[in-house]
Each structure stands twice: as structure tokens, then as C-alpha cells.
Amino acid sequence: EIELKVEGMTCGGCVKSVQNALQAHDGVNEAKADLDAKQVTIAFDPAVIQRAGLVQAIEDAGFDVPA
């Protein structure tokens, strides 16, 4: 499980977009975005997808993950 900061989430639709983008990838078991905390908690299988892949999925959905 990993927590990533996500910049650009401003509404419930953004939360859904982040969660859906992550859950579309193999190896992601669960993604819970928190609008107030501006972060997402991801349960995933590191043998299938790594942190870089998770970050890429979020960025591809139009959001930023600060370094």
C-alpha cells in the first residue's frame, strides 16, 4: 500500500477520475482518493505495477503527483 499526494483534485468528479484511472490497471487492488487531504491511498501488487506506473496513471488522468 502506498499514499501519493495528488494536485489538481477539486471535486468529487476528480476523485472518481483518479480512482478509476488507477483501478483500470492490472495489479491495483483498490484506490481511495481523499479530496480534503489531496492524496490517494493505493493497495497494489508491486510484482505487477510499480510506483512509477501508478504515478503515470494519475498524470495521464490529468493530475499532478509532486516529487
PDB file of N, CA and C in Angstrom:
ATOM      1  N   GLU A   1       0.848  -1.190   0.000  1.00  0.00           N
ATOM      2  CA  GLU A   1       0.000   0.000   0.000  1.00  0.00           C
ATOM      3  C   GLU A   1       0.888   1.246   0.000  1.00  0.00           C
ATOM      4  N   ILE A   2       0.448   2.249  -0.727  1.00  0.00           N
ATOM      5  CA  ILE A   2       1.215   3.486  -0.825  1.00  0.00           C
ATOM      6  C   ILE A   2       0.251   4.666  -0.811  1.00  0.00           C
ATOM      7  N   GLU A   3       0.728   5.788  -0.255  1.00  0.00           N
ATOM      8  CA  GLU A   3      -0.035   7.033  -0.295  1.00  0.00           C
ATOM      9  C   GLU A   3       0.717   8.018  -1.170  1.00  0.00           C
ATOM     10  N   LEU A   4       0.000   8.617  -2.118  1.00  0.00           N
ATOM     11  CA  LEU A   4       0.606   9.607  -3.002  1.00  0.00           C
ATOM     12  C   LEU A   4      -0.176  10.907  -2.911  1.00  0.00           C
ATOM     13  N   LYS A   5       0.543  12.015  -2.850  1.00  0.00           N
ATOM     14  CA  LYS A   5      -0.094  13.327  -2.929  1.00  0.00           C
ATOM     15  C   LYS A   5      -0.567  13.537  -4.363  1.00  0.00           C
ATOM     16  N   VAL A   6      -1.726  14.146  -4.513  1.00  0.00           N
ATOM     17  CA  VAL A   6      -2.266  14.412  -5.846  1.00  0.00           C
ATOM     18  C   VAL A   6      -2.702  15.870  -5.899  1.00  0.00           C
ATOM     19  N   GLU A   7      -2.142  16.615  -6.847  1.00  0.00           N
ATOM     20  CA  GLU A   7      -2.516  18.016  -7.020  1.00  0.00           C
ATOM     21  C   GLU A   7      -3.476  18.129  -8.192  1.00  0.00           C
ATOM     22  N   GLY A   8      -4.474  18.988  -8.031  1.00  0.00           N
ATOM     23  CA  GLY A   8      -5.417  19.232  -9.110  1.00  0.00           C
ATOM     24  C   GLY A   8      -6.798  18.660  -8.862  1.00  0.00           C
ATOM     25  N   MET A   9      -6.969  17.873  -7.790  1.00  0.00           N
ATOM     26  CA  MET A   9      -8.302  17.370  -7.464  1.00  0.00           C
ATOM     27  C   MET A   9      -9.098  18.494  -6.799  1.00  0.00           C
ATOM     28  N   THR A  10     -10.247  18.845  -7.399  1.00  0.00           N
ATOM     29  CA  THR A  10     -11.041  19.947  -6.869  1.00  0.00           C
ATOM     30  C   THR A  10     -12.482  19.561  -6.550  1.00  0.00           C
ATOM     31  N   CYS A  11     -12.892  18.342  -6.925  1.00  0.00           N
ATOM     32  CA  CYS A  11     -14.291  17.966  -6.716  1.00  0.00           C
ATOM     33  C   CYS A  11     -14.418  16.442  -6.664  1.00  0.00           C
ATOM     34  N   GLY A  12     -15.634  15.995  -6.392  1.00  0.00           N
ATOM     35  CA  GLY A  12     -15.886  14.562  -6.342  1.00  0.00           C
ATOM     36  C   GLY A  12     -15.619  13.869  -7.668  1.00  0.00           C
ATOM     37  N   GLY A  13     -15.855  14.582  -8.766  1.00  0.00           N
ATOM     38  CA  GLY A  13     -15.576  14.011 -10.079  1.00  0.00           C
ATOM     39  C   GLY A  13     -14.097  13.735 -10.270  1.00  0.00           C
ATOM     40  N   CYS A  14     -13.269  14.637  -9.731  1.00  0.00           N
ATOM     41  CA  CYS A  14     -11.815  14.445  -9.802  1.00  0.00           C
ATOM     42  C   CYS A  14     -11.414  13.202  -9.018  1.00  0.00           C
ATOM     43  N   VAL A  15     -12.004  13.041  -7.845  1.00  0.00           N
ATOM     44  CA  VAL A  15     -11.721  11.868  -7.011  1.00  0.00           C
ATOM     45  C   VAL A  15     -12.035  10.592  -7.790  1.00  0.00           C
ATOM     46  N   LYS A  16     -13.203  10.560  -8.422  1.00  0.00           N
ATOM     47  CA  LYS A  16     -13.608   9.394  -9.215  1.00  0.00           C
ATOM     48  C   LYS A  16     -12.645   9.161 -10.380  1.00  0.00           C
ATOM     49  N   SER A  17     -12.224  10.238 -11.037  1.00  0.00           N
ATOM     50  CA  SER A  17     -11.299  10.117 -12.169  1.00  0.00           C
ATOM     51  C   SER A  17      -9.983   9.480 -11.743  1.00  0.00           C
ATOM     52  N   VAL A  18      -9.444   9.930 -10.605  1.00  0.00           N
ATOM     53  CA  VAL A  18      -8.184   9.377 -10.097  1.00  0.00           C
ATOM     54  C   VAL A  18      -8.371   7.904  -9.747  1.00  0.00           C
ATOM     55  N   GLN A  19      -9.432   7.597  -9.018  1.00  0.00           N
ATOM     56  CA  GLN A  19      -9.674   6.208  -8.610  1.00  0.00           C
ATOM     57  C   GLN A  19      -9.874   5.307  -9.823  1.00  0.00           C
ATOM     58  N   ASN A  20     -10.676   5.755 -10.790  1.00  0.00           N
ATOM     59  CA  ASN A  20     -10.937   4.945 -11.977  1.00  0.00           C
ATOM     60  C   ASN A  20      -9.676   4.741 -12.809  1.00  0.00           C
ATOM     61  N   ALA A  21      -8.862   5.787 -12.933  1.00  0.00           N
ATOM     62  CA  ALA A  21      -7.623   5.678 -13.712  1.00  0.00           C
ATOM     63  C   ALA A  21      -6.698   4.626 -13.105  1.00  0.00           C
ATOM     64  N   LEU A  22      -6.617   4.606 -11.787  1.00  0.00           N
ATOM     65  CA  LEU A  22      -5.750   3.640 -11.119  1.00  0.00           C
ATOM     66  C   LEU A  22      -6.328   2.230 -11.186  1.00  0.00           C
ATOM     67  N   GLN A  23      -7.622   2.110 -10.929  1.00  0.00           N
ATOM     68  CA  GLN A  23      -8.237   0.781 -10.875  1.00  0.00           C
ATOM     69  C   GLN A  23      -8.312   0.117 -12.247  1.00  0.00           C
ATOM     70  N   ALA A  24      -8.103   0.881 -13.308  1.00  0.00           N
ATOM     71  CA  ALA A  24      -8.094   0.313 -14.658  1.00  0.00           C
ATOM     72  C   ALA A  24      -6.816  -0.477 -14.923  1.00  0.00           C
ATOM     73  N   HIS A  25      -5.825  -0.342 -14.055  1.00  0.00           N
ATOM     74  CA  HIS A  25      -4.537  -1.010 -14.270  1.00  0.00           C
ATOM     75  C   HIS A  25      -4.470  -2.337 -13.518  1.00  0.00           C
ATOM     76  N   ASP A  26      -3.887  -3.333 -14.183  1.00  0.00           N
ATOM     77  CA  ASP A  26      -3.642  -4.619 -13.537  1.00  0.00           C
ATOM     78  C   ASP A  26      -2.712  -4.400 -12.357  1.00  0.00           C
ATOM     79  N   GLY A  27      -2.970  -5.100 -11.287  1.00  0.00           N
ATOM     80  CA  GLY A  27      -2.123  -5.010 -10.104  1.00  0.00           C
ATOM     81  C   GLY A  27      -2.641  -4.036  -9.064  1.00  0.00           C
ATOM     82  N   VAL A  28      -3.589  -3.175  -9.449  1.00  0.00           N
ATOM     83  CA  VAL A  28      -4.178  -2.244  -8.481  1.00  0.00           C
ATOM     84  C   VAL A  28      -5.418  -2.911  -7.897  1.00  0.00           C
ATOM     85  N   ASN A  29      -5.385  -3.164  -6.590  1.00  0.00           N
ATOM     86  CA  ASN A  29      -6.499  -3.819  -5.914  1.00  0.00           C
ATOM     87  C   ASN A  29      -7.551  -2.819  -5.472  1.00  0.00           C
ATOM     88  N   GLU A  30      -7.084  -1.647  -5.010  1.00  0.00           N
ATOM     89  CA  GLU A  30      -8.011  -0.632  -4.516  1.00  0.00           C
ATOM     90  C   GLU A  30      -7.329   0.724  -4.551  1.00  0.00           C
ATOM     91  N   ALA A  31      -8.102   1.760  -4.857  1.00  0.00           N
ATOM     92  CA  ALA A  31      -7.593   3.126  -4.824  1.00  0.00           C
ATOM     93  C   ALA A  31      -8.647   3.993  -4.155  1.00  0.00           C
ATOM     94  N   LYS A  32      -8.247   4.704  -3.093  1.00  0.00           N
ATOM     95  CA  LYS A  32      -9.151   5.597  -2.378  1.00  0.00           C
ATOM     96  C   LYS A  32      -8.551   6.992  -2.366  1.00  0.00           C
ATOM     97  N   ALA A  33      -9.165   7.882  -3.112  1.00  0.00           N
ATOM     98  CA  ALA A  33      -8.701   9.267  -3.153  1.00  0.00           C
ATOM     99  C   ALA A  33      -9.423  10.068  -2.077  1.00  0.00           C
ATOM    100  N   ASP A  34      -8.692  10.974  -1.441  1.00  0.00           N
ATOM    101  CA  ASP A  34      -9.233  11.837  -0.392  1.00  0.00           C
ATOM    102  C   ASP A  34      -9.081  13.277  -0.849  1.00  0.00           C
ATOM    103  N   LEU A  35     -10.212  13.908  -1.155  1.00  0.00           N
ATOM    104  CA  LEU A  35     -10.201  15.267  -1.683  1.00  0.00           C
ATOM    105  C   LEU A  35      -9.608  16.247  -0.676  1.00  0.00           C
ATOM    106  N   ASP A  36     -10.005  16.141   0.589  1.00  0.00           N
ATOM    107  CA  ASP A  36      -9.536  17.081   1.612  1.00  0.00           C
ATOM    108  C   ASP A  36      -8.033  16.959   1.862  1.00  0.00           C
ATOM    109  N   ALA A  37      -7.547  15.732   1.906  1.00  0.00           N
ATOM    110  CA  ALA A  37      -6.121  15.505   2.159  1.00  0.00           C
ATOM    111  C   ALA A  37      -5.294  15.649   0.884  1.00  0.00           C
ATOM    112  N   LYS A  38      -5.961  15.720  -0.257  1.00  0.00           N
ATOM    113  CA  LYS A  38      -5.289  15.802  -1.567  1.00  0.00           C
ATOM    114  C   LYS A  38      -4.282  14.668  -1.738  1.00  0.00           C
ATOM    115  N   GLN A  39      -4.762  13.446  -1.475  1.00  0.00           N
ATOM    116  CA  GLN A  39      -3.908  12.286  -1.643  1.00  0.00           C
ATOM    117  C   GLN A  39      -4.754  11.084  -2.023  1.00  0.00           C
ATOM    118  N   VAL A  40      -4.077  10.048  -2.475  1.00  0.00           N
ATOM    119  CA  VAL A  40      -4.745   8.795  -2.801  1.00  0.00           C
ATOM    120  C   VAL A  40      -3.975   7.657  -2.133  1.00  0.00           C
ATOM    121  N   THR A  41      -4.724   6.732  -1.555  1.00  0.00           N
ATOM    122  CA  THR A  41      -4.143   5.538  -0.954  1.00  0.00           C
ATOM    123  C   THR A  41      -4.416   4.382  -1.908  1.00  0.00           C
ATOM    124  N   ILE A  42      -3.352   3.686  -2.280  1.00  0.00           N
ATOM    125  CA  ILE A  42      -3.456   2.645  -3.302  1.00  0.00           C
ATOM    126  C   ILE A  42      -2.959   1.318  -2.738  1.00  0.00           C
ATOM    127  N   ALA A  43      -3.824   0.304  -2.809  1.00  0.00           N
ATOM    128  CA  ALA A  43      -3.420  -1.065  -2.479  1.00  0.00           C
ATOM    129  C   ALA A  43      -3.084  -1.735  -3.806  1.00  0.00           C
ATOM    130  N   PHE A  44      -1.837  -2.210  -3.945  1.00  0.00           N
ATOM    131  CA  PHE A  44      -1.406  -2.760  -5.235  1.00  0.00           C
ATOM    132  C   PHE A  44      -0.398  -3.878  -5.048  1.00  0.00           C
ATOM    133  N   ASP A  45      -0.184  -4.619  -6.128  1.00  0.00           N
ATOM    134  CA  ASP A  45       0.780  -5.713  -6.149  1.00  0.00           C
ATOM    135  C   ASP A  45       2.052  -5.214  -6.829  1.00  0.00           C
ATOM    136  N   PRO A  46       3.123  -4.999  -6.064  1.00  0.00           N
ATOM    137  CA  PRO A  46       4.360  -4.461  -6.657  1.00  0.00           C
ATOM    138  C   PRO A  46       5.014  -5.402  -7.672  1.00  0.00           C
ATOM    139  N   ALA A  47       4.584  -6.640  -7.713  1.00  0.00           N
ATOM    140  CA  ALA A  47       5.116  -7.556  -8.719  1.00  0.00           C
ATOM    141  C   ALA A  47       4.480  -7.285 -10.083  1.00  0.00           C
ATOM    142  N   VAL A  48       3.356  -6.558 -10.080  1.00  0.00           N
ATOM    143  CA  VAL A  48       2.623  -6.296 -11.320  1.00  0.00           C
ATOM    144  C   VAL A  48       2.776  -4.843 -11.769  1.00  0.00           C
ATOM    145  N   ILE A  49       2.711  -3.914 -10.832  1.00  0.00           N
ATOM    146  CA  ILE A  49       2.823  -2.492 -11.154  1.00  0.00           C
ATOM    147  C   ILE A  49       3.641  -1.801 -10.067  1.00  0.00           C
ATOM    148  N   GLN A  50       4.524  -0.888 -10.488  1.00  0.00           N
ATOM    149  CA  GLN A  50       5.373  -0.174  -9.541  1.00  0.00           C
ATOM    150  C   GLN A  50       4.879   1.262  -9.360  1.00  0.00           C
ATOM    151  N   ARG A  51       5.527   1.974  -8.440  1.00  0.00           N
ATOM    152  CA  ARG A  51       5.147   3.353  -8.136  1.00  0.00           C
ATOM    153  C   ARG A  51       5.112   4.221  -9.396  1.00  0.00           C
ATOM    154  N   ALA A  52       6.098   4.061 -10.261  1.00  0.00           N
ATOM    155  CA  ALA A  52       6.154   4.882 -11.480  1.00  0.00           C
ATOM    156  C   ALA A  52       4.917   4.674 -12.344  1.00  0.00           C
ATOM    157  N   GLY A  53       4.431   3.460 -12.399  1.00  0.00           N
ATOM    158  CA  GLY A  53       3.229   3.168 -13.174  1.00  0.00           C
ATOM    159  C   GLY A  53       1.993   3.798 -12.564  1.00  0.00           C
ATOM    160  N   LEU A  54       1.949   3.824 -11.237  1.00  0.00           N
ATOM    161  CA  LEU A  54       0.824   4.450 -10.534  1.00  0.00           C
ATOM    162  C   LEU A  54       0.824   5.953 -10.782  1.00  0.00           C
ATOM    163  N   VAL A  55       2.009   6.560 -10.662  1.00  0.00           N
ATOM    164  CA  VAL A  55       2.145   7.999 -10.903  1.00  0.00           C
ATOM    165  C   VAL A  55       1.738   8.326 -12.345  1.00  0.00           C
ATOM    166  N   GLN A  56       2.175   7.503 -13.283  1.00  0.00           N
ATOM    167  CA  GLN A  56       1.849   7.732 -14.695  1.00  0.00           C
ATOM    168  C   GLN A  56       0.337   7.667 -14.919  1.00  0.00           C
ATOM    169  N   ALA A  57      -0.334   6.730 -14.277  1.00  0.00           N
ATOM    170  CA  ALA A  57      -1.792   6.604 -14.423  1.00  0.00           C
ATOM    171  C   ALA A  57      -2.494   7.867 -13.933  1.00  0.00           C
ATOM    172  N   ILE A  58      -2.032   8.408 -12.806  1.00  0.00           N
ATOM    173  CA  ILE A  58      -2.617   9.634 -12.258  1.00  0.00           C
ATOM    174  C   ILE A  58      -2.354  10.809 -13.191  1.00  0.00           C
ATOM    175  N   GLU A  59      -1.128  10.913 -13.680  1.00  0.00           N
ATOM    176  CA  GLU A  59      -0.771  12.019 -14.576  1.00  0.00           C
ATOM    177  C   GLU A  59      -1.518  11.913 -15.909  1.00  0.00           C
ATOM    178  N   ASP A  60      -1.705  10.698 -16.393  1.00  0.00           N
ATOM    179  CA  ASP A  60      -2.443  10.506 -17.639  1.00  0.00           C
ATOM    180  C   ASP A  60      -3.901  10.937 -17.488  1.00  0.00           C
ATOM    181  N   ALA A  61      -4.411  10.884 -16.248  1.00  0.00           N
ATOM    182  CA  ALA A  61      -5.792  11.311 -15.980  1.00  0.00           C
ATOM    183  C   ALA A  61      -5.897  12.829 -15.841  1.00  0.00           C
ATOM    184  N   GLY A  62      -4.741  13.525 -15.888  1.00  0.00           N
ATOM    185  CA  GLY A  62      -4.761  14.986 -15.875  1.00  0.00           C
ATOM    186  C   GLY A  62      -4.412  15.626 -14.550  1.00  0.00           C
ATOM    187  N   PHE A  63      -3.833  14.854 -13.647  1.00  0.00           N
ATOM    188  CA  PHE A  63      -3.480  15.380 -12.331  1.00  0.00           C
ATOM    189  C   PHE A  63      -1.973  15.294 -12.123  1.00  0.00           C
ATOM    190  N   ASP A  64      -1.473  16.014 -11.124  1.00  0.00           N
ATOM    191  CA  ASP A  64      -0.041  16.034 -10.851  1.00  0.00           C
ATOM    192  C   ASP A  64       0.275  15.312  -9.554  1.00  0.00           C
ATOM    193  N   VAL A  65       1.407  14.614  -9.556  1.00  0.00           N
ATOM    194  CA  VAL A  65       1.925  13.962  -8.356  1.00  0.00           C
ATOM    195  C   VAL A  65       3.259  14.640  -8.057  1.00  0.00           C
ATOM    196  N   PRO A  66       3.310  15.501  -7.001  1.00  0.00           N
ATOM    197  CA  PRO A  66       4.565  16.173  -6.702  1.00  0.00           C
ATOM    198  C   PRO A  66       5.642  15.173  -6.287  1.00  0.00           C
ATOM    199  N   ALA A  67       6.883  15.486  -6.621  1.00  0.00           N
ATOM    200  CA  ALA A  67       8.011  14.587  -6.325  1.00  0.00           C
ATOM    201  C   ALA A  67       8.231  14.480  -4.825  1.00  0.00           C
TER     202      ALA A  67
END
